[in-house]
């Protein structure tokens, strides 16, 4: 969890999210200019940190679930796509069996609830909490697509070697 929220790529990605929010004036209560961008950046980082803390550290420990992504690495594109998208709501438990990903989904809801502390007043509430949790869960599913297919893309275009084990987990 700590590695994920301190990775330089995470800071760049959050900068892009904040920039997009600035461009479309999401959370308009933050305003525009450098101050508005800074508030959006801080909120986006807090969202990412809270989600990772609850969904990748605390809840998986309590619920005995493994928050890592296990790359399939073989099979048809459709099958690999469905597999990677499903991991946002279906995960491996500590006993090696697969089941509902309570940690990820609940962690996203908890993080959405915490965001009510720092989002502008007009962007708070139970409905927005669940809407935000659904969006973050969908973003996680898209991120899984990246982790599933990026080694293949890098191998084809950049001539990098494929991972030794297709089932090697990726730390979130």
N, C-alpha and C. Protein backbone atom coordinates (compact mmCIF):
# COMPACT_ATOMS: atom_id res chain seq x y z
N UNK A 1 0.84 -1.19 0.00
CA UNK A 1 0.00 0.00 0.00
C UNK A 1 0.87 1.24 0.00
N UNK A 2 1.87 1.24 0.89
CA UNK A 2 2.74 2.41 1.00
C UNK A 2 3.54 2.63 -0.29
N UNK A 3 4.00 1.54 -0.88
CA UNK A 3 4.73 1.65 -2.15
C UNK A 3 3.84 2.28 -3.22
N UNK A 4 2.59 1.85 -3.28
CA UNK A 4 1.67 2.36 -4.29
C UNK A 4 1.39 3.85 -4.16
N UNK A 5 1.22 4.34 -2.94
CA UNK A 5 0.87 5.75 -2.75
C UNK A 5 2.08 6.68 -2.74
N UNK A 6 3.30 6.10 -2.77
CA UNK A 6 4.50 6.93 -2.84
C UNK A 6 5.24 6.76 -4.16
N UNK A 7 4.70 5.97 -5.07
CA UNK A 7 5.30 5.76 -6.37
C UNK A 7 5.24 7.06 -7.17
N UNK A 8 6.34 7.47 -7.82
CA UNK A 8 6.32 8.72 -8.60
C UNK A 8 5.21 8.76 -9.65
N UNK A 9 4.89 7.62 -10.26
CA UNK A 9 3.82 7.58 -11.24
C UNK A 9 2.50 8.00 -10.61
N UNK A 10 2.29 7.65 -9.34
CA UNK A 10 1.04 8.02 -8.64
C UNK A 10 0.91 9.54 -8.56
N UNK A 11 2.00 10.23 -8.28
CA UNK A 11 1.96 11.70 -8.19
C UNK A 11 1.67 12.34 -9.55
N UNK A 12 2.22 11.74 -10.60
CA UNK A 12 1.94 12.24 -11.95
C UNK A 12 0.48 12.01 -12.31
N UNK A 13 0.00 10.79 -12.03
CA UNK A 13 -1.40 10.46 -12.33
C UNK A 13 -2.35 11.37 -11.57
N UNK A 14 -2.05 11.65 -10.32
CA UNK A 14 -2.89 12.54 -9.51
C UNK A 14 -2.84 13.96 -10.07
N UNK A 15 -1.68 14.37 -10.56
CA UNK A 15 -1.58 15.68 -11.20
C UNK A 15 -2.47 15.78 -12.43
N UNK A 16 -2.53 14.68 -13.19
CA UNK A 16 -3.41 14.66 -14.37
C UNK A 16 -4.88 14.70 -13.97
N UNK A 17 -5.23 13.95 -12.92
CA UNK A 17 -6.62 13.96 -12.42
C UNK A 17 -6.99 15.37 -11.96
N UNK A 18 -6.09 16.00 -11.21
CA UNK A 18 -6.36 17.37 -10.72
C UNK A 18 -6.45 18.35 -11.89
N UNK A 19 -5.61 18.18 -12.89
CA UNK A 19 -5.66 19.05 -14.06
C UNK A 19 -6.95 18.90 -14.84
N UNK A 20 -7.42 17.66 -14.98
CA UNK A 20 -8.70 17.44 -15.64
C UNK A 20 -9.83 18.05 -14.83
N UNK A 21 -9.76 17.88 -13.51
CA UNK A 21 -10.77 18.50 -12.64
C UNK A 21 -10.77 20.01 -12.75
N UNK A 22 -9.58 20.57 -12.88
CA UNK A 22 -9.46 22.03 -13.05
C UNK A 22 -10.08 22.45 -14.38
N UNK A 23 -9.81 21.67 -15.42
CA UNK A 23 -10.30 22.02 -16.76
C UNK A 23 -11.82 21.99 -16.84
N UNK A 24 -12.45 21.02 -16.18
CA UNK A 24 -13.91 20.90 -16.24
C UNK A 24 -14.58 21.55 -15.03
N UNK A 25 -13.77 22.14 -14.16
CA UNK A 25 -14.24 22.83 -12.95
C UNK A 25 -15.05 21.91 -12.04
N UNK A 26 -14.56 20.65 -11.89
CA UNK A 26 -15.21 19.77 -10.91
C UNK A 26 -14.89 20.32 -9.52
N UNK A 27 -15.76 20.06 -8.59
CA UNK A 27 -15.63 20.61 -7.24
C UNK A 27 -15.40 22.11 -7.33
N UNK A 28 -16.35 22.78 -7.95
CA UNK A 28 -16.21 24.21 -8.24
C UNK A 28 -15.97 25.05 -6.99
N UNK A 29 -16.32 24.51 -5.83
CA UNK A 29 -16.06 25.23 -4.59
C UNK A 29 -14.58 25.44 -4.31
N UNK A 30 -13.72 24.68 -4.99
CA UNK A 30 -12.27 24.86 -4.84
C UNK A 30 -11.77 26.09 -5.58
N UNK A 31 -12.54 26.57 -6.54
CA UNK A 31 -12.12 27.73 -7.32
C UNK A 31 -11.19 27.34 -8.45
N UNK A 32 -10.59 28.35 -9.08
CA UNK A 32 -9.68 28.14 -10.20
C UNK A 32 -8.29 28.64 -9.81
N UNK A 33 -7.38 28.64 -10.77
CA UNK A 33 -6.01 29.10 -10.52
C UNK A 33 -5.21 28.09 -9.74
N UNK A 34 -4.04 28.52 -9.29
CA UNK A 34 -3.12 27.64 -8.58
C UNK A 34 -3.74 27.10 -7.29
N UNK A 35 -4.49 27.96 -6.59
CA UNK A 35 -5.10 27.52 -5.34
C UNK A 35 -6.13 26.43 -5.59
N UNK A 36 -6.97 26.59 -6.60
CA UNK A 36 -7.97 25.57 -6.94
C UNK A 36 -7.32 24.27 -7.37
N UNK A 37 -6.26 24.38 -8.19
CA UNK A 37 -5.54 23.19 -8.62
C UNK A 37 -4.92 22.48 -7.41
N UNK A 38 -4.32 23.26 -6.52
CA UNK A 38 -3.71 22.67 -5.33
C UNK A 38 -4.72 21.93 -4.46
N UNK A 39 -5.90 22.51 -4.31
CA UNK A 39 -6.95 21.85 -3.53
C UNK A 39 -7.41 20.57 -4.22
N UNK A 40 -7.55 20.61 -5.53
CA UNK A 40 -7.95 19.40 -6.27
C UNK A 40 -6.86 18.33 -6.18
N UNK A 41 -5.61 18.75 -6.28
CA UNK A 41 -4.50 17.81 -6.17
C UNK A 41 -4.50 17.16 -4.78
N UNK A 42 -4.64 17.97 -3.76
CA UNK A 42 -4.66 17.43 -2.39
C UNK A 42 -5.83 16.49 -2.18
N UNK A 43 -7.00 16.85 -2.68
CA UNK A 43 -8.17 15.99 -2.53
C UNK A 43 -7.98 14.68 -3.29
N UNK A 44 -7.43 14.75 -4.50
CA UNK A 44 -7.21 13.53 -5.29
C UNK A 44 -6.19 12.62 -4.61
N UNK A 45 -5.15 13.21 -4.03
CA UNK A 45 -4.16 12.38 -3.32
C UNK A 45 -4.78 11.78 -2.06
N UNK A 46 -5.56 12.57 -1.34
CA UNK A 46 -6.22 12.05 -0.14
C UNK A 46 -7.16 10.90 -0.52
N UNK A 47 -7.88 11.04 -1.63
CA UNK A 47 -8.76 9.96 -2.10
C UNK A 47 -7.95 8.70 -2.38
N UNK A 48 -6.84 8.85 -3.10
CA UNK A 48 -6.00 7.69 -3.44
C UNK A 48 -5.41 7.06 -2.19
N UNK A 49 -4.94 7.89 -1.27
CA UNK A 49 -4.34 7.38 -0.04
C UNK A 49 -5.37 6.64 0.81
N UNK A 50 -6.53 7.27 1.02
CA UNK A 50 -7.59 6.64 1.82
C UNK A 50 -8.04 5.31 1.20
N UNK A 51 -8.24 5.32 -0.11
CA UNK A 51 -8.67 4.09 -0.78
C UNK A 51 -7.65 2.98 -0.65
N UNK A 52 -6.36 3.33 -0.80
CA UNK A 52 -5.30 2.33 -0.67
C UNK A 52 -5.18 1.85 0.78
N UNK A 53 -5.27 2.76 1.71
CA UNK A 53 -5.16 2.39 3.13
C UNK A 53 -6.26 1.39 3.52
N UNK A 54 -7.49 1.73 3.18
CA UNK A 54 -8.61 0.86 3.57
C UNK A 54 -8.73 -0.36 2.67
N UNK A 55 -8.62 -0.18 1.36
CA UNK A 55 -8.86 -1.26 0.42
C UNK A 55 -7.68 -2.19 0.16
N UNK A 56 -6.44 -1.72 0.46
CA UNK A 56 -5.26 -2.53 0.19
C UNK A 56 -4.46 -2.88 1.43
N UNK A 57 -4.84 -2.34 2.58
CA UNK A 57 -4.08 -2.62 3.80
C UNK A 57 -4.99 -3.08 4.95
N UNK A 58 -5.81 -2.19 5.46
CA UNK A 58 -6.58 -2.50 6.67
C UNK A 58 -7.62 -3.59 6.43
N UNK A 59 -8.53 -3.38 5.49
CA UNK A 59 -9.60 -4.37 5.27
C UNK A 59 -9.08 -5.71 4.77
N UNK A 60 -8.11 -5.77 3.85
CA UNK A 60 -7.61 -7.09 3.44
C UNK A 60 -7.00 -7.86 4.61
N UNK A 61 -6.35 -7.15 5.53
CA UNK A 61 -5.79 -7.83 6.70
C UNK A 61 -6.90 -8.38 7.59
N UNK A 62 -7.92 -7.58 7.82
CA UNK A 62 -9.03 -8.01 8.68
C UNK A 62 -9.88 -9.10 8.03
N UNK A 63 -10.08 -9.02 6.71
CA UNK A 63 -10.97 -9.94 6.00
C UNK A 63 -10.22 -11.10 5.34
N UNK A 64 -8.91 -11.15 5.53
CA UNK A 64 -8.07 -12.23 4.98
C UNK A 64 -8.19 -12.33 3.47
N UNK A 65 -8.05 -11.17 2.81
CA UNK A 65 -8.08 -11.13 1.35
C UNK A 65 -6.74 -10.61 0.84
N UNK A 66 -6.39 -11.01 -0.37
CA UNK A 66 -5.14 -10.60 -0.98
C UNK A 66 -5.44 -9.47 -1.96
N UNK A 67 -4.97 -8.24 -1.70
CA UNK A 67 -5.32 -7.11 -2.55
C UNK A 67 -4.50 -7.02 -3.84
N UNK A 68 -3.53 -7.91 -4.02
CA UNK A 68 -2.69 -7.82 -5.21
C UNK A 68 -3.45 -8.26 -6.46
N UNK A 69 -2.99 -7.75 -7.60
CA UNK A 69 -3.54 -8.18 -8.88
C UNK A 69 -2.70 -9.34 -9.39
N UNK A 70 -3.35 -10.45 -9.72
CA UNK A 70 -2.66 -11.61 -10.27
C UNK A 70 -2.91 -11.66 -11.76
N UNK A 71 -1.86 -11.36 -12.52
CA UNK A 71 -1.97 -11.31 -13.97
C UNK A 71 -2.25 -12.70 -14.53
N UNK A 72 -3.22 -12.78 -15.42
CA UNK A 72 -3.55 -14.04 -16.06
C UNK A 72 -2.49 -14.38 -17.11
N UNK A 73 -2.22 -13.45 -18.03
CA UNK A 73 -1.12 -13.58 -18.96
C UNK A 73 -1.29 -14.58 -20.10
N UNK A 74 -2.43 -15.25 -20.18
CA UNK A 74 -2.66 -16.19 -21.28
C UNK A 74 -4.16 -16.25 -21.56
N UNK A 75 -4.50 -16.82 -22.70
CA UNK A 75 -5.91 -16.92 -23.09
C UNK A 75 -6.28 -15.84 -24.08
N UNK A 76 -7.53 -15.85 -24.48
CA UNK A 76 -8.01 -14.88 -25.46
C UNK A 76 -8.06 -13.48 -24.84
N UNK A 77 -8.07 -12.49 -25.71
CA UNK A 77 -8.16 -11.10 -25.24
C UNK A 77 -9.45 -10.89 -24.48
N UNK A 78 -10.56 -11.45 -24.98
CA UNK A 78 -11.85 -11.28 -24.30
C UNK A 78 -11.82 -11.91 -22.91
N UNK A 79 -11.27 -13.10 -22.80
CA UNK A 79 -11.23 -13.78 -21.50
C UNK A 79 -10.33 -13.04 -20.51
N UNK A 80 -9.18 -12.56 -21.00
CA UNK A 80 -8.28 -11.81 -20.13
C UNK A 80 -8.90 -10.47 -19.73
N UNK A 81 -9.64 -9.85 -20.64
CA UNK A 81 -10.30 -8.58 -20.33
C UNK A 81 -11.35 -8.79 -19.25
N UNK A 82 -12.21 -9.80 -19.42
CA UNK A 82 -13.22 -10.09 -18.40
C UNK A 82 -12.60 -10.43 -17.06
N UNK A 83 -11.54 -11.22 -17.08
CA UNK A 83 -10.84 -11.56 -15.85
C UNK A 83 -10.32 -10.31 -15.15
N UNK A 84 -9.61 -9.45 -15.89
CA UNK A 84 -9.00 -8.28 -15.26
C UNK A 84 -10.06 -7.31 -14.73
N UNK A 85 -11.15 -7.13 -15.48
CA UNK A 85 -12.21 -6.25 -14.99
C UNK A 85 -12.88 -6.81 -13.75
N UNK A 86 -13.00 -8.13 -13.68
CA UNK A 86 -13.70 -8.76 -12.54
C UNK A 86 -12.93 -8.62 -11.23
N UNK A 87 -11.62 -8.43 -11.30
CA UNK A 87 -10.84 -8.40 -10.07
C UNK A 87 -11.15 -7.19 -9.19
N UNK A 88 -11.82 -6.20 -9.72
CA UNK A 88 -12.23 -5.07 -8.89
C UNK A 88 -13.28 -5.50 -7.87
N UNK A 89 -14.02 -6.55 -8.19
CA UNK A 89 -15.09 -7.02 -7.29
C UNK A 89 -14.93 -8.49 -6.89
N UNK A 90 -13.86 -9.15 -7.37
CA UNK A 90 -13.64 -10.57 -7.09
C UNK A 90 -12.15 -10.74 -6.83
N UNK A 91 -11.77 -11.31 -5.69
CA UNK A 91 -10.35 -11.39 -5.35
C UNK A 91 -10.00 -12.74 -4.74
N UNK A 92 -8.71 -12.94 -4.60
CA UNK A 92 -8.19 -14.15 -3.98
C UNK A 92 -8.16 -13.93 -2.47
N UNK A 93 -8.62 -14.91 -1.74
CA UNK A 93 -8.57 -14.86 -0.29
C UNK A 93 -7.26 -15.48 0.20
N UNK A 94 -6.95 -15.31 1.48
CA UNK A 94 -5.71 -15.85 2.03
C UNK A 94 -5.63 -17.36 1.90
N UNK A 95 -6.77 -18.03 1.82
CA UNK A 95 -6.77 -19.49 1.68
C UNK A 95 -6.57 -19.94 0.23
N UNK A 96 -6.38 -18.99 -0.69
CA UNK A 96 -6.14 -19.30 -2.09
C UNK A 96 -7.39 -19.40 -2.94
N UNK A 97 -8.56 -19.35 -2.32
CA UNK A 97 -9.82 -19.42 -3.06
C UNK A 97 -10.26 -18.01 -3.44
N UNK A 98 -11.04 -17.93 -4.50
CA UNK A 98 -11.55 -16.65 -4.98
C UNK A 98 -12.93 -16.38 -4.40
N UNK A 99 -13.21 -15.10 -4.13
CA UNK A 99 -14.52 -14.71 -3.60
C UNK A 99 -14.73 -13.21 -3.77
N UNK A 100 -15.86 -12.71 -3.30
CA UNK A 100 -16.15 -11.27 -3.43
C UNK A 100 -15.04 -10.41 -2.84
N UNK A 101 -14.69 -9.34 -3.53
CA UNK A 101 -13.63 -8.44 -3.09
C UNK A 101 -14.21 -7.37 -2.15
N UNK A 102 -14.62 -7.83 -0.98
CA UNK A 102 -15.20 -6.93 0.01
C UNK A 102 -14.23 -5.81 0.38
N UNK A 103 -12.95 -6.12 0.43
CA UNK A 103 -11.95 -5.13 0.83
C UNK A 103 -11.92 -3.95 -0.12
N UNK A 104 -11.87 -4.21 -1.41
CA UNK A 104 -11.78 -3.14 -2.39
C UNK A 104 -13.05 -2.30 -2.43
N UNK A 105 -14.18 -2.96 -2.53
CA UNK A 105 -15.45 -2.24 -2.63
C UNK A 105 -15.72 -1.45 -1.35
N UNK A 106 -15.56 -2.09 -0.20
CA UNK A 106 -15.79 -1.40 1.08
C UNK A 106 -14.77 -0.29 1.29
N UNK A 107 -13.53 -0.53 0.92
CA UNK A 107 -12.50 0.49 1.05
C UNK A 107 -12.82 1.73 0.23
N UNK A 108 -13.37 1.52 -0.97
CA UNK A 108 -13.75 2.66 -1.81
C UNK A 108 -14.92 3.42 -1.20
N UNK A 109 -15.84 2.72 -0.58
CA UNK A 109 -16.97 3.40 0.08
C UNK A 109 -16.48 4.18 1.30
N UNK A 110 -15.61 3.57 2.09
CA UNK A 110 -15.07 4.26 3.26
C UNK A 110 -14.30 5.51 2.83
N UNK A 111 -13.46 5.37 1.80
CA UNK A 111 -12.70 6.53 1.31
C UNK A 111 -13.64 7.61 0.80
N UNK A 112 -14.73 7.21 0.14
CA UNK A 112 -15.73 8.19 -0.30
C UNK A 112 -16.37 8.91 0.86
N UNK A 113 -16.62 8.18 1.94
CA UNK A 113 -17.18 8.80 3.14
C UNK A 113 -16.21 9.79 3.77
N UNK A 114 -14.95 9.41 3.81
CA UNK A 114 -13.93 10.30 4.38
C UNK A 114 -13.81 11.57 3.54
N UNK A 115 -13.99 11.44 2.22
CA UNK A 115 -13.85 12.61 1.34
C UNK A 115 -14.89 13.68 1.66
N UNK A 116 -15.96 13.31 2.34
CA UNK A 116 -16.95 14.31 2.75
C UNK A 116 -16.36 15.34 3.73
N UNK A 117 -15.22 15.00 4.31
CA UNK A 117 -14.56 15.93 5.23
C UNK A 117 -13.84 17.07 4.51
N UNK A 118 -13.42 16.83 3.27
CA UNK A 118 -12.61 17.85 2.59
C UNK A 118 -13.16 18.30 1.24
N UNK A 119 -14.19 17.68 0.72
CA UNK A 119 -14.80 18.17 -0.52
C UNK A 119 -15.64 19.41 -0.21
N UNK A 120 -15.82 20.28 -1.19
CA UNK A 120 -16.69 21.44 -0.97
C UNK A 120 -18.10 20.99 -0.57
N UNK A 121 -18.79 21.80 0.16
CA UNK A 121 -20.11 21.47 0.72
C UNK A 121 -21.06 20.90 -0.34
N UNK A 122 -21.09 21.50 -1.52
CA UNK A 122 -22.04 21.05 -2.55
C UNK A 122 -21.66 19.69 -3.15
N UNK A 123 -20.47 19.18 -2.83
CA UNK A 123 -20.00 17.90 -3.36
C UNK A 123 -19.93 16.83 -2.27
N UNK A 124 -20.79 16.94 -1.27
CA UNK A 124 -20.82 15.97 -0.16
C UNK A 124 -22.17 15.29 -0.11
N UNK A 125 -22.21 14.17 0.58
CA UNK A 125 -23.47 13.48 0.79
C UNK A 125 -23.37 12.00 0.49
N UNK A 126 -24.35 11.27 0.97
CA UNK A 126 -24.35 9.81 0.83
C UNK A 126 -24.41 9.38 -0.62
N UNK A 127 -25.23 10.04 -1.42
CA UNK A 127 -25.33 9.69 -2.84
C UNK A 127 -24.02 9.89 -3.57
N UNK A 128 -23.36 11.02 -3.28
CA UNK A 128 -22.07 11.30 -3.91
C UNK A 128 -20.99 10.36 -3.39
N UNK A 129 -21.11 9.94 -2.14
CA UNK A 129 -20.16 8.97 -1.59
C UNK A 129 -20.21 7.67 -2.37
N UNK A 130 -21.41 7.14 -2.60
CA UNK A 130 -21.55 5.89 -3.34
C UNK A 130 -21.23 6.07 -4.82
N UNK A 131 -21.55 7.22 -5.38
CA UNK A 131 -21.21 7.49 -6.77
C UNK A 131 -19.69 7.51 -6.93
N UNK A 132 -19.01 8.19 -6.03
CA UNK A 132 -17.55 8.24 -6.07
C UNK A 132 -16.93 6.86 -5.89
N UNK A 133 -17.50 6.06 -4.98
CA UNK A 133 -16.98 4.70 -4.76
C UNK A 133 -17.13 3.86 -6.02
N UNK A 134 -18.25 4.00 -6.70
CA UNK A 134 -18.46 3.25 -7.96
C UNK A 134 -17.47 3.70 -9.03
N UNK A 135 -17.20 4.98 -9.11
CA UNK A 135 -16.24 5.49 -10.09
C UNK A 135 -14.84 4.97 -9.79
N UNK A 136 -14.44 5.01 -8.51
CA UNK A 136 -13.11 4.53 -8.14
C UNK A 136 -12.99 3.03 -8.39
N UNK A 137 -14.04 2.28 -8.13
CA UNK A 137 -14.03 0.85 -8.41
C UNK A 137 -13.87 0.60 -9.91
N UNK A 138 -14.56 1.37 -10.73
CA UNK A 138 -14.42 1.25 -12.18
C UNK A 138 -13.02 1.65 -12.63
N UNK A 139 -12.45 2.69 -12.03
CA UNK A 139 -11.08 3.08 -12.37
C UNK A 139 -10.10 1.97 -12.01
N UNK A 140 -10.34 1.29 -10.89
CA UNK A 140 -9.49 0.16 -10.51
C UNK A 140 -9.58 -0.97 -11.52
N UNK A 141 -10.78 -1.20 -12.04
CA UNK A 141 -10.95 -2.24 -13.06
C UNK A 141 -10.17 -1.87 -14.32
N UNK A 142 -10.19 -0.60 -14.70
CA UNK A 142 -9.42 -0.16 -15.85
C UNK A 142 -7.92 -0.27 -15.60
N UNK A 143 -7.52 0.01 -14.36
CA UNK A 143 -6.11 -0.17 -14.00
C UNK A 143 -5.68 -1.62 -14.10
N UNK A 144 -6.56 -2.53 -13.76
CA UNK A 144 -6.26 -3.95 -13.90
C UNK A 144 -6.05 -4.33 -15.36
N UNK A 145 -6.83 -3.72 -16.25
CA UNK A 145 -6.62 -3.95 -17.69
C UNK A 145 -5.19 -3.56 -18.09
N UNK A 146 -4.75 -2.43 -17.58
CA UNK A 146 -3.39 -1.98 -17.86
C UNK A 146 -2.39 -3.03 -17.39
N UNK A 147 -2.51 -3.49 -16.15
CA UNK A 147 -1.54 -4.45 -15.60
C UNK A 147 -1.62 -5.80 -16.30
N UNK A 148 -2.77 -6.13 -16.84
CA UNK A 148 -2.91 -7.40 -17.56
C UNK A 148 -2.21 -7.34 -18.91
N UNK A 149 -2.38 -6.25 -19.64
CA UNK A 149 -1.92 -6.20 -21.02
C UNK A 149 -0.62 -5.43 -21.25
N UNK A 150 -0.20 -4.59 -20.31
CA UNK A 150 1.01 -3.80 -20.55
C UNK A 150 2.23 -4.66 -20.83
N UNK A 151 2.49 -5.75 -20.10
CA UNK A 151 3.67 -6.55 -20.44
C UNK A 151 3.66 -7.05 -21.89
N UNK A 152 2.49 -7.38 -22.41
CA UNK A 152 2.39 -7.82 -23.80
C UNK A 152 2.69 -6.68 -24.76
N UNK A 153 2.16 -5.50 -24.47
CA UNK A 153 2.40 -4.33 -25.31
C UNK A 153 3.87 -3.96 -25.27
N UNK A 154 4.46 -3.93 -24.08
CA UNK A 154 5.87 -3.58 -23.94
C UNK A 154 6.75 -4.61 -24.65
N UNK A 155 6.36 -5.87 -24.58
CA UNK A 155 7.13 -6.93 -25.25
C UNK A 155 7.10 -6.74 -26.76
N UNK A 156 5.93 -6.42 -27.29
CA UNK A 156 5.77 -6.28 -28.75
C UNK A 156 6.44 -5.01 -29.27
N UNK A 157 6.22 -3.88 -28.59
CA UNK A 157 6.70 -2.60 -29.09
C UNK A 157 8.11 -2.24 -28.61
N UNK A 158 8.42 -2.61 -27.39
CA UNK A 158 9.71 -2.20 -26.81
C UNK A 158 10.69 -3.36 -26.71
N UNK A 159 10.25 -4.55 -27.10
CA UNK A 159 11.09 -5.76 -27.08
C UNK A 159 11.60 -6.08 -25.67
N UNK A 160 10.78 -5.80 -24.66
CA UNK A 160 11.14 -6.17 -23.30
C UNK A 160 10.70 -7.61 -23.06
N UNK A 161 11.40 -8.32 -22.19
CA UNK A 161 10.99 -9.71 -21.94
C UNK A 161 9.67 -9.76 -21.18
N UNK A 162 8.90 -10.81 -21.45
CA UNK A 162 7.67 -11.03 -20.68
C UNK A 162 8.04 -11.52 -19.30
N UNK A 163 7.19 -11.28 -18.30
CA UNK A 163 7.48 -11.79 -16.95
C UNK A 163 7.64 -13.31 -16.98
N UNK A 164 8.52 -13.83 -16.10
CA UNK A 164 8.75 -15.27 -16.03
C UNK A 164 7.49 -16.04 -15.71
N UNK A 165 6.71 -15.50 -14.80
CA UNK A 165 5.48 -16.18 -14.38
C UNK A 165 4.29 -15.31 -14.72
N UNK A 166 3.38 -15.83 -15.51
CA UNK A 166 2.17 -15.06 -15.87
C UNK A 166 1.31 -14.80 -14.65
N UNK A 167 1.45 -15.62 -13.62
CA UNK A 167 0.61 -15.47 -12.43
C UNK A 167 1.28 -14.61 -11.35
N UNK A 168 2.42 -14.01 -11.66
CA UNK A 168 3.11 -13.19 -10.66
C UNK A 168 2.23 -12.01 -10.27
N UNK A 169 2.01 -11.83 -8.96
CA UNK A 169 1.14 -10.72 -8.53
C UNK A 169 1.81 -9.38 -8.69
N UNK A 170 1.00 -8.36 -8.89
CA UNK A 170 1.45 -6.98 -8.93
C UNK A 170 1.00 -6.31 -7.65
N UNK A 171 1.93 -5.66 -6.98
CA UNK A 171 1.58 -4.92 -5.77
C UNK A 171 0.78 -3.69 -6.15
N UNK A 172 -0.39 -3.46 -5.53
CA UNK A 172 -1.17 -2.26 -5.84
C UNK A 172 -0.49 -1.02 -5.30
